Amino acid sequence: MSARIASRQLRAPALAALNNPSTYWICAPSIRRYLSSTPRRGDPNSASPKPTPRTKDAKANTDVSNPVLESYIKKTLETQTSKAPAVIAPKAVLGSLAPSTIFDPEVEIPGLHQAKTPAEREALLQLQAERKKEAELQREYQLNSRNLDPNPRSRLAFERRMVIRGIVKRGRVTRDVELARKERSYQYKSQDLPGSVKKLTKIMNQIAGKTVEEALVQLRFNKKKMAREVWKGLQIARDEAIVKRGMGLGDSPSVAGAEPEDAASTAVQAKAEKHVEAQSLTPAEAQKALENLFPDGTRVRSPPPSSTPTPIELKTGKRKIIFNPTELYVDQAWVGKGWETNSAEYRARGRVNLLTHRSTKFWVILKEEATRIRLSEEIQKKRDSRKVWVALPDRPVQRQRQYCLW
């Protein structure tokens, strides 16, 4: 059941109020519109008279004030005003993501409103700028920490091993570590290439020991199909060595901004170097020989001004002149075995042959000419310190015997 009261039950007592002018005008406007509307058909009170209009005397005698309510409201307001706390400015709180707040600098920087001179104010502002910059750097480090230090536990374990090794060996390092700190090298491994190890070995033996540029020329004009893949891989190895290790960035003509040379000048330079290598000349004599003209009147390319030609001796016994100690050369080149797959070859009389499809891959180690200069010096030093060979060593005779000991 609904608790709603029918409108006709409220209309009868309300109509009685319309007859009294003192109570008609104090009703709400919505109630007055409702009571003065046209009554419904069949309503027994539809013939009730209209309300008497309001007069000045009636308005003067009307008193709708409530002294008790007014005194209560006044007392409540006085109590709330006396107990209200003082208004305090909000405190600025800097978050980890927000570089600054939306408040004034006086609120953000403590002690700025107490500065008496412009110099003190400027000092506080500068201090706050430095703090902001430091916070930005710290935030940037936190964002890049995953890239800079992806595995902190492994790094700490490696540092611990290095400290223990230094304590055990009293800070001494091996010769390999010392050379690795002074000389740079880069190792490149190719992907699996379709072919056999025997075929690729001949190509790798062709470029071993040559400079990178000479090796690229040899591979470019090689008729073997696999030479094209080795040519591409050697170019990638050269670029990665320059970018990752910083190799080959010395006083080379390409770095110094010299113009590229044509094939004719390169061939003349190779002819000059071959001519000088055949002679045992000092660096000064080699430089003078290269600056001279050939019998056909062709002038060879002069080396970079900052580099001095250095004649060296290779492990094979050949001699070579180095103009740029930072030039790259192929120190080692070897071949390895890759994956293998099998396929069937169907023959006559129901027989099947099993075909093996092989793949191979190669490695190259690139180094700078400074390494070969060091090796040449070690060979010469070993040769100079070698003792004179004698057929019979000069040893003292300790006791006489019937026969000689030799």
Protein backbone atom coordinates (compact mmCIF):
# COMPACT_ATOMS: atom_id res chain seq x y z
CA MET A 1 0.00 0.00 0.00
CA SER A 2 1.11 3.52 -0.66
CA ALA A 3 1.50 6.14 2.04
CA ARG A 4 0.49 8.83 -0.39
CA ILE A 5 -2.52 10.95 0.65
CA ALA A 6 -5.09 11.76 -2.01
CA SER A 7 -5.08 15.34 -3.17
CA ARG A 8 -8.80 15.75 -2.50
CA GLN A 9 -8.20 15.10 1.23
CA LEU A 10 -5.76 18.02 1.40
CA ARG A 11 -7.88 20.35 -0.71
CA ALA A 12 -10.85 20.69 1.67
CA PRO A 13 -8.96 22.13 4.69
CA ALA A 14 -6.78 24.25 2.40
CA LEU A 15 -9.78 25.91 0.80
CA ALA A 16 -10.86 27.09 4.22
CA ALA A 17 -7.60 29.01 4.45
CA LEU A 18 -8.36 30.80 1.22
CA ASN A 19 -11.35 32.50 2.82
CA ASN A 20 -9.08 34.06 5.45
CA PRO A 21 -7.02 36.89 3.93
CA SER A 22 -4.42 36.77 6.74
CA THR A 23 -3.43 33.17 5.91
CA TYR A 24 -3.76 33.28 2.12
CA TRP A 25 -0.75 35.47 1.35
CA ILE A 26 1.66 33.63 3.61
CA CYS A 27 1.28 30.40 1.68
CA ALA A 28 3.94 29.34 -0.80
CA PRO A 29 3.38 30.49 -4.42
CA SER A 30 3.16 26.90 -5.64
CA ILE A 31 0.40 26.15 -3.09
CA ARG A 32 -1.49 29.27 -4.09
CA ARG A 33 -1.37 28.26 -7.75
CA TYR A 34 -2.57 24.79 -6.84
CA LEU A 35 -5.47 25.98 -4.66
CA SER A 36 -6.61 28.65 -7.08
CA SER A 37 -6.66 26.30 -10.09
CA THR A 38 -9.87 25.04 -11.66
CA PRO A 39 -11.33 22.26 -9.53
CA ARG A 40 -11.87 18.82 -10.95
CA ARG A 41 -15.22 17.75 -12.33
CA GLY A 42 -17.37 16.11 -9.69
CA ASP A 43 -15.54 17.72 -6.79
CA PRO A 44 -18.06 18.61 -4.03
CA ASN A 45 -16.04 21.71 -3.07
CA SER A 46 -15.95 23.07 -6.60
CA ALA A 47 -18.54 25.78 -5.71
CA SER A 48 -16.45 27.33 -2.92
CA PRO A 49 -16.08 31.11 -3.14
CA LYS A 50 -12.90 32.78 -4.44
CA PRO A 51 -10.44 34.25 -1.92
CA THR A 52 -10.85 37.83 -0.89
CA PRO A 53 -8.15 40.10 -2.22
CA ARG A 54 -5.52 41.35 0.21
CA THR A 55 -5.99 44.84 1.72
CA LYS A 56 -3.53 47.26 3.33
CA ASP A 57 -5.05 46.71 6.79
CA ALA A 58 -4.65 43.01 6.46
CA LYS A 59 -0.99 43.43 5.44
CA ALA A 60 -0.35 45.67 8.42
CA ASN A 61 -1.86 43.20 10.87
CA THR A 62 0.05 40.22 9.39
CA ASP A 63 3.07 39.13 11.53
CA VAL A 64 4.94 36.05 10.32
CA SER A 65 8.10 36.52 12.43
CA ASN A 66 9.31 33.88 14.88
CA PRO A 67 11.37 35.42 17.71
CA VAL A 68 12.41 32.07 19.16
CA LEU A 69 13.80 30.84 15.82
CA GLU A 70 15.60 34.12 15.14
CA SER A 71 17.27 34.12 18.55
CA TYR A 72 18.38 30.49 18.07
CA ILE A 73 19.93 31.20 14.63
CA LYS A 74 21.71 34.28 15.94
CA LYS A 75 23.14 32.39 18.90
CA THR A 76 24.32 29.52 16.67
CA LEU A 77 26.12 31.84 14.27
CA GLU A 78 27.95 33.59 17.13
CA THR A 79 29.11 30.26 18.54
CA GLN A 80 30.43 29.02 15.16
CA THR A 81 32.29 32.28 14.50
CA SER A 82 34.03 32.22 17.89
CA LYS A 83 35.17 28.59 17.50
CA ALA A 84 36.30 28.80 13.82
CA PRO A 85 40.10 28.13 13.37
CA ALA A 86 42.42 30.64 11.75
CA VAL A 87 42.87 30.39 7.98
CA ILE A 88 46.27 28.83 7.17
CA ALA A 89 47.87 28.84 3.69
CA PRO A 90 48.26 25.36 2.19
CA LYS A 91 51.71 23.84 2.43
CA ALA A 92 53.45 23.08 -0.85
CA VAL A 93 54.44 19.45 -1.25
CA LEU A 94 56.76 18.52 -4.14
CA GLY A 95 56.19 15.15 -5.73
CA SER A 96 58.69 12.96 -7.53
CA LEU A 97 57.13 13.68 -10.91
CA ALA A 98 56.32 17.40 -10.60
CA PRO A 99 59.29 19.74 -11.15
CA SER A 100 57.48 22.65 -9.42
CA THR A 101 54.25 23.56 -7.68
CA ILE A 102 51.38 25.84 -8.68
CA PHE A 103 52.02 28.21 -5.78
CA ASP A 104 54.17 31.33 -5.64
CA PRO A 105 57.94 31.07 -5.20
CA GLU A 106 57.52 32.32 -1.61
CA VAL A 107 55.54 29.20 -0.80
CA GLU A 108 57.77 26.84 -2.75
CA ILE A 109 61.16 28.13 -1.58
CA PRO A 110 61.47 28.22 2.21
CA GLY A 111 62.81 31.48 3.59
CA LEU A 112 62.35 33.48 0.39
CA HIS A 113 59.80 35.89 1.89
CA GLN A 114 62.20 36.59 4.77
CA ALA A 115 65.02 37.73 2.48
CA LYS A 116 65.80 41.38 3.14
CA THR A 117 68.08 42.18 0.21
CA PRO A 118 67.86 41.29 -3.48
CA ALA A 119 71.18 39.45 -3.21
CA GLU A 120 69.79 37.03 -0.63
CA ARG A 121 66.69 36.50 -2.74
CA GLU A 122 68.81 35.80 -5.82
CA ALA A 123 70.95 33.33 -3.86
CA LEU A 124 67.87 31.42 -2.71
CA LEU A 125 66.49 31.31 -6.24
CA GLN A 126 69.81 30.03 -7.58
CA LEU A 127 69.96 27.36 -4.86
CA GLN A 128 66.47 26.23 -5.76
CA ALA A 129 67.42 26.04 -9.46
CA GLU A 130 70.41 23.85 -8.60
CA ARG A 131 68.20 21.56 -6.53
CA LYS A 132 65.76 21.24 -9.42
CA LYS A 133 68.56 20.39 -11.83
CA GLU A 134 69.93 17.76 -9.45
CA ALA A 135 66.47 16.25 -9.06
CA GLU A 136 66.07 16.09 -12.84
CA LEU A 137 69.43 14.34 -13.20
CA GLN A 138 68.49 11.86 -10.49
CA ARG A 139 65.20 11.19 -12.22
CA GLU A 140 66.93 10.66 -15.56
CA TYR A 141 69.40 8.26 -13.94
CA GLN A 142 66.54 6.25 -12.45
CA LEU A 143 64.84 6.01 -15.84
CA ASN A 144 68.05 4.91 -17.59
CA SER A 145 69.30 2.66 -14.80
CA ARG A 146 67.80 -0.41 -16.45
CA ASN A 147 69.83 0.22 -19.60
CA LEU A 148 73.01 1.25 -17.80
CA ASP A 149 72.93 -1.52 -15.20
CA PRO A 150 70.55 -4.27 -16.35
CA ASN A 151 71.80 -6.89 -13.87
CA PRO A 152 73.15 -5.30 -10.66
CA ARG A 153 73.75 -8.64 -8.91
CA SER A 154 75.96 -9.93 -11.70
CA ARG A 155 77.88 -6.65 -11.77
CA LEU A 156 78.52 -6.78 -8.02
CA ALA A 157 79.64 -10.41 -8.28
CA PHE A 158 82.05 -9.50 -11.10
CA GLU A 159 83.47 -6.57 -9.12
CA ARG A 160 83.95 -8.85 -6.12
CA ARG A 161 85.88 -11.37 -8.22
CA MET A 162 88.07 -8.63 -9.63
CA VAL A 163 88.85 -7.30 -6.14
CA ILE A 164 89.76 -10.78 -4.92
CA ARG A 165 91.96 -11.36 -7.96
CA GLY A 166 93.75 -8.05 -7.38
CA ILE A 167 94.41 -8.90 -3.74
CA VAL A 168 95.69 -12.39 -4.53
CA LYS A 169 98.02 -11.17 -7.28
CA ARG A 170 98.91 -7.96 -5.40
CA GLY A 171 97.51 -5.76 -8.12
CA ARG A 172 99.56 -7.37 -10.89
CA VAL A 173 97.87 -8.15 -14.20
CA THR A 174 98.81 -10.64 -16.85
CA ARG A 175 100.47 -9.69 -20.08
CA ASP A 176 97.32 -10.39 -22.07
CA VAL A 177 95.30 -7.98 -19.92
CA GLU A 178 97.98 -5.32 -20.20
CA LEU A 179 98.05 -5.63 -23.99
CA ALA A 180 94.25 -5.57 -24.16
CA ARG A 181 94.28 -2.23 -22.31
CA LYS A 182 96.75 -0.71 -24.76
CA GLU A 183 95.76 -2.29 -28.07
CA ARG A 184 92.24 -2.59 -29.45
CA SER A 185 90.79 -5.53 -31.36
CA TYR A 186 87.37 -6.69 -32.53
CA GLN A 187 86.08 -10.18 -33.30
CA TYR A 188 83.24 -10.73 -35.76
CA LYS A 189 81.25 -13.91 -36.29
CA SER A 190 79.10 -14.41 -39.36
CA GLN A 191 75.81 -16.19 -39.65
CA ASP A 192 75.46 -19.67 -41.11
CA LEU A 193 76.17 -19.63 -44.85
CA PRO A 194 75.22 -22.44 -47.25
CA GLY A 195 78.43 -24.14 -48.31
CA SER A 196 81.20 -26.39 -47.10
CA VAL A 197 84.12 -25.61 -44.83
CA LYS A 198 86.64 -26.73 -47.46
CA LYS A 199 85.42 -24.16 -50.02
CA LEU A 200 85.32 -21.24 -47.59
CA THR A 201 88.74 -21.99 -46.09
CA LYS A 202 90.51 -21.08 -49.34
CA ILE A 203 88.84 -17.65 -49.38
CA MET A 204 89.67 -16.91 -45.74
CA ASN A 205 93.31 -17.87 -46.25
CA GLN A 206 93.43 -15.32 -49.05
CA ILE A 207 92.51 -12.34 -46.83
CA ALA A 208 94.35 -13.33 -43.63
CA GLY A 209 97.14 -10.88 -42.83
CA LYS A 210 96.02 -8.21 -45.30
CA THR A 211 94.62 -4.82 -44.47
CA VAL A 212 90.86 -4.46 -44.57
CA GLU A 213 90.93 -2.39 -47.75
CA GLU A 214 93.19 -4.86 -49.53
CA ALA A 215 91.01 -7.76 -48.39
CA LEU A 216 87.87 -6.05 -49.70
CA VAL A 217 89.51 -5.57 -53.08
CA GLN A 218 90.53 -9.25 -53.22
CA LEU A 219 87.01 -10.39 -52.30
CA ARG A 220 85.37 -8.01 -54.73
CA PHE A 221 87.13 -9.50 -57.75
CA ASN A 222 87.05 -13.09 -56.54
CA LYS A 223 85.03 -15.42 -58.80
CA LYS A 224 83.87 -17.66 -55.95
CA LYS A 225 80.22 -17.38 -55.01
CA MET A 226 81.00 -17.42 -51.28
CA ALA A 227 83.37 -14.44 -51.67
CA ARG A 228 80.37 -12.13 -51.99
CA GLU A 229 79.10 -13.15 -48.53
CA VAL A 230 82.55 -12.76 -46.98
CA TRP A 231 82.85 -9.31 -48.60
CA LYS A 232 79.60 -8.21 -46.94
CA GLY A 233 80.60 -9.67 -43.58
CA LEU A 234 84.00 -7.98 -43.63
CA GLN A 235 82.38 -4.62 -44.30
CA ILE A 236 80.08 -5.14 -41.30
CA ALA A 237 83.05 -6.13 -39.14
CA ARG A 238 84.95 -2.99 -40.17
CA ASP A 239 82.00 -0.69 -39.39
CA GLU A 240 81.33 -2.33 -36.02
CA ALA A 241 85.00 -2.08 -35.05
CA ILE A 242 84.97 1.65 -35.81
CA VAL A 243 81.72 2.32 -33.95
CA LYS A 244 82.03 -0.03 -30.96
CA ARG A 245 85.80 0.01 -30.36
CA GLY A 246 86.82 3.33 -31.90
CA MET A 247 89.38 1.64 -34.11
CA GLY A 248 90.80 3.13 -37.28
CA LEU A 249 90.16 6.75 -36.30
CA GLY A 250 93.75 7.94 -36.43
CA ASP A 251 95.49 10.14 -38.99
CA SER A 252 94.21 8.26 -41.98
CA PRO A 253 93.56 10.13 -45.25
CA SER A 254 89.82 9.42 -45.10
CA VAL A 255 89.54 10.86 -41.59
CA ALA A 256 91.76 13.83 -42.29
CA GLY A 257 89.42 14.92 -45.07
CA ALA A 258 91.60 14.04 -48.05
CA GLU A 259 90.01 13.50 -51.41
CA PRO A 260 89.39 9.91 -52.51
CA GLU A 261 91.93 8.50 -54.89
CA ASP A 262 91.27 6.78 -58.13
CA ALA A 263 92.39 3.28 -59.08
CA ALA A 264 95.43 4.52 -60.98
CA SER A 265 96.94 6.36 -58.02
CA THR A 266 96.22 3.37 -55.76
CA ALA A 267 98.04 1.06 -58.15
CA VAL A 268 101.01 3.45 -58.32
CA GLN A 269 101.14 3.61 -54.54
CA ALA A 270 101.10 -0.17 -54.30
CA LYS A 271 103.92 -0.31 -56.83
CA ALA A 272 105.94 2.16 -54.79
CA GLU A 273 105.41 0.30 -51.53
CA LYS A 274 106.38 -2.99 -53.16
CA HIS A 275 109.52 -1.41 -54.53
CA VAL A 276 110.50 -0.03 -51.11
CA GLU A 277 109.70 -3.27 -49.29
CA ALA A 278 112.15 -5.12 -51.47
CA GLN A 279 114.96 -2.95 -50.12
CA SER A 280 116.18 -2.78 -46.54
CA LEU A 281 115.76 0.96 -45.95
CA THR A 282 115.51 3.08 -42.84
CA PRO A 283 112.33 5.10 -42.24
CA ALA A 284 113.99 8.27 -43.54
CA GLU A 285 115.21 6.52 -46.69
CA ALA A 286 111.82 4.96 -47.28
CA GLN A 287 110.15 8.36 -46.96
CA LYS A 288 112.60 9.87 -49.43
CA ALA A 289 112.15 6.99 -51.85
CA LEU A 290 108.38 7.36 -51.84
CA GLU A 291 108.58 11.09 -52.46
CA ASN A 292 110.64 10.60 -55.62
CA LEU A 293 109.14 10.18 -59.02
CA PHE A 294 108.91 6.94 -60.92
CA PRO A 295 110.74 6.55 -64.25
CA ASP A 296 107.44 7.06 -66.10
CA GLY A 297 107.05 10.50 -64.45
CA THR A 298 104.22 9.52 -62.10
CA ARG A 299 104.26 10.91 -58.58
CA VAL A 300 103.04 8.59 -55.86
CA ARG A 301 100.70 9.52 -53.07
CA SER A 302 102.51 10.98 -50.11
CA PRO A 303 101.66 9.67 -46.65
CA PRO A 304 99.70 11.79 -44.15
CA PRO A 305 101.78 14.64 -42.69
CA SER A 306 101.33 13.49 -39.08
CA SER A 307 102.39 9.87 -39.69
CA THR A 308 105.90 8.56 -40.34
CA PRO A 309 106.46 5.45 -42.51
CA THR A 310 107.54 2.58 -40.31
CA PRO A 311 109.13 -0.51 -41.90
CA ILE A 312 108.23 -3.68 -40.03
CA GLU A 313 108.90 -7.40 -40.32
CA LEU A 314 105.96 -9.80 -40.40
CA LYS A 315 105.84 -13.26 -38.86
CA THR A 316 106.34 -14.82 -42.26
CA GLY A 317 109.61 -12.94 -42.73
CA LYS A 318 108.25 -10.43 -45.24
CA ARG A 319 108.74 -6.70 -44.78
CA LYS A 320 106.09 -4.02 -44.93
CA ILE A 321 105.92 -0.24 -44.55
CA ILE A 322 103.15 1.16 -42.37
CA PHE A 323 102.04 4.76 -42.85
CA ASN A 324 99.10 4.81 -40.44
CA PRO A 325 99.40 2.91 -37.11
CA THR A 326 95.60 2.94 -36.68
CA GLU A 327 94.82 1.23 -39.98
CA LEU A 328 92.79 -1.97 -39.63
CA TYR A 329 94.05 -5.34 -40.79
CA VAL A 330 92.79 -8.92 -40.59
CA ASP A 331 94.86 -10.53 -37.87
CA GLN A 332 93.10 -13.92 -37.89
CA ALA A 333 90.49 -15.51 -40.15
CA TRP A 334 89.17 -19.04 -39.71
CA VAL A 335 86.16 -21.15 -40.62
CA GLY A 336 83.77 -23.28 -38.57
CA LYS A 337 81.12 -25.86 -39.18
CA GLY A 338 77.41 -24.93 -39.20
CA TRP A 339 74.12 -26.81 -39.31
CA GLU A 340 73.49 -29.76 -41.62
CA THR A 341 70.27 -30.96 -43.24
CA ASN A 342 69.52 -34.12 -45.20
CA SER A 343 67.28 -34.79 -48.17
CA ALA A 344 66.45 -37.88 -50.19
CA GLU A 345 67.46 -38.50 -53.79
CA TYR A 346 65.36 -41.24 -55.38
CA ARG A 347 67.21 -43.47 -57.83
CA ALA A 348 66.37 -46.41 -60.06
CA ARG A 349 65.27 -49.83 -58.85
CA GLY A 350 63.69 -48.32 -55.71
CA ARG A 351 66.93 -47.09 -54.20
CA VAL A 352 67.36 -43.80 -52.28
CA ASN A 353 70.50 -41.76 -51.80
CA LEU A 354 70.85 -39.47 -48.75
CA LEU A 355 72.09 -35.97 -49.63
CA THR A 356 73.75 -33.82 -46.97
CA HIS A 357 73.40 -30.04 -47.23
CA ARG A 358 76.12 -28.35 -45.19
CA SER A 359 76.58 -24.82 -43.93
CA THR A 360 79.58 -22.94 -42.62
CA LYS A 361 80.48 -19.73 -40.84
CA PHE A 362 83.62 -17.68 -40.45
CA TRP A 363 85.32 -15.54 -37.84
CA VAL A 364 87.67 -12.60 -38.31
CA ILE A 365 89.72 -10.67 -35.76
CA LEU A 366 90.53 -7.09 -36.73
CA LYS A 367 93.42 -5.23 -35.15
CA GLU A 368 95.33 -2.02 -35.74
CA GLU A 369 98.76 -1.76 -37.34
CA ALA A 370 100.18 -0.68 -33.98
CA THR A 371 99.98 -4.34 -32.96
CA ARG A 372 102.14 -5.44 -35.87
CA ILE A 373 104.62 -2.70 -35.07
CA ARG A 374 104.95 -4.08 -31.54
CA LEU A 375 105.35 -7.64 -32.81
CA SER A 376 108.05 -6.51 -35.24
CA GLU A 377 109.93 -4.80 -32.42
CA GLU A 378 109.71 -7.95 -30.30
CA ILE A 379 111.08 -10.04 -33.18
CA GLN A 380 114.00 -7.64 -33.63
CA LYS A 381 114.68 -7.52 -29.90
CA LYS A 382 114.69 -11.30 -29.67
CA ARG A 383 117.06 -11.50 -32.60
CA ASP A 384 119.45 -8.97 -31.03
CA SER A 385 119.51 -10.70 -27.66
CA ARG A 386 120.17 -14.11 -29.12
CA LYS A 387 123.43 -15.70 -28.03
CA VAL A 388 126.10 -16.81 -30.48
CA TRP A 389 125.78 -20.47 -31.36
CA VAL A 390 128.84 -22.62 -30.77
CA ALA A 391 129.40 -26.25 -31.69
CA LEU A 392 130.95 -27.26 -28.32
CA PRO A 393 129.95 -25.40 -25.18
CA ASP A 394 132.85 -24.12 -23.06
CA ARG A 395 132.31 -26.14 -19.89
CA PRO A 396 134.95 -26.81 -17.26
CA VAL A 397 136.37 -30.34 -16.99
CA GLN A 398 135.59 -31.65 -13.53
CA ARG A 399 137.34 -35.08 -13.65
CA GLN A 400 139.47 -36.97 -16.11
CA ARG A 401 138.07 -39.99 -17.88
CA GLN A 402 139.36 -42.45 -20.35
CA TYR A 403 137.03 -41.32 -23.17
CA CYS A 404 135.77 -37.91 -24.16
CA LEU A 405 132.23 -37.00 -23.24
CA TRP A 406 131.28 -35.59 -26.60
